[in-house]
Amino acid sequence: MSKIKLLNIVGARPQIIKSSAISRAIRTGFSDQITELTLHTGQHYDKEMSDVFFDELEIHKPDFNLGVGSARHGRQTAAMITGIEEVLLKEKPDGLLLYGDTNSTLAGAIAASKQHFPVIHIEAGLRSFNKTMPEELNRIISDHSSTLLFAPTNAAFKNLMLEGFRPENSPPYTIDNPKIYLSGDIMYDNSLFFAELAERKKSELLDSLALERDKFILATIHRDMNTDDPNRLEAILSTIRNLAEEYKIPFVMPFHPRTMNSLKSGLASLLENLRKSKYIRIIPPVSYLTMTFLEKNSFMIVTDSGGVQKESHFFRKPCVVLRKETEWIELVANGTVMLADANPDLILHAFKGYFQPGTNLEYPGFYGDGRTSEFILREILSLLER
């Protein structure tokens, strides 16, 4: 039987990391059945997308790079659709793999479905129920353009059913007769793999920052709703500084360039106060491997990142979320994630709750068994080999 060909669509560093779980599973268990190609749209320019990035994470480079770059949503998405369509017609893959909810995901879904290539959406069914977020529209349109949909959680699976997807559908599966799965999360696969890699490659980091394992807080702020609103940013960072001083516990803060620019342009005195605190460690943006190491070795995480929320659960760390809502509602229901928005009282309440001695938190296996990639590939083969 001839091999099937899959085309990954990625647009930013996090998606390349997500796709690496599938790539690794193909290399280790399916290389005789699957040929894989990766197309990077270039949606986000990232100076860290160098040879060092790929070598450090043991990931192969994309086969195609459209180099689209930043632009308004319409212009950017149109350019990506055009470029993806050309590669589809040239390579004629048996299926198109999409990850998450970026404009690259949307462009891949539109280009492939219009040309009748099966779309396979990984991380399907996630919903914030806030359609003012571009990501929410991307999720919905991508799901409804897909033939195979892999939901990482029970909540995501139920969201798909509420939108009319039927788990009882029988093959052959098509865009009009899609198949939905409760698959687990490929990022759990990745976290297990990269945590082990990080321990080998980043063990000196704690000494360089004068930190001890499980005795520091990791804080990340990158979403524009926080970085571009001086009132929100000041409320968050002033509260963090106060907590660090009151509890005498270090906060490690890899500042996104947008965060640093906002502080320098309008909140310079706050930045100075943060730098003066002996408990605040402001560091440049870190690699994924370094971030994994910091997450695994922290005591608690404070973030506005969706991915970091999940990873806090993988590494059994409580997490304070600087947003009003989250896609990972099972973590909030479980009590290991608290939504605090930019409200100092809520941030303080969540922090104190997790800092209490004897706090007993449980971390159920919401995201699978760490072998989700293998499950996904077996199901893809069962469809495409028919």
Foldseek 3Di string as FASTA:
>chain_A
DDAAEEEEEAEDDVSQLLCQLLVVCCVVPNVRHYDYAYEYAPADDDPVPDPCQCVLLVHDDHPHYNNLYYDPLVSSLVSLLVVLLVVCVVVVGQEYEYEAFDSRLQSNLVNCLVVFRAYEYEQAQQAFPDVVDNSRVRRVNSVLSHQEYEHQFPNSQVSVVVVPQDCPFDDPTGSVGHHYYHQFGSVLLSLVVLLVSLCVVPVCVCVVLVHAFAQAEEEEEDDCVQLVDVVLVCLQLVLVLVVCVVVVTAYEYAYDPSNVVSCVVPVVVSVVSLVPDPRYHYDHHDRPSVVSNCLLRYQAYEYQDQVSCVSNLSNVHAYEHQCPTHSPVVCVVQVSYDYQHSPSVSVVVNVVQSPDPPDDGDRDRRRDDSCSSVVVVVVVCVNSVD
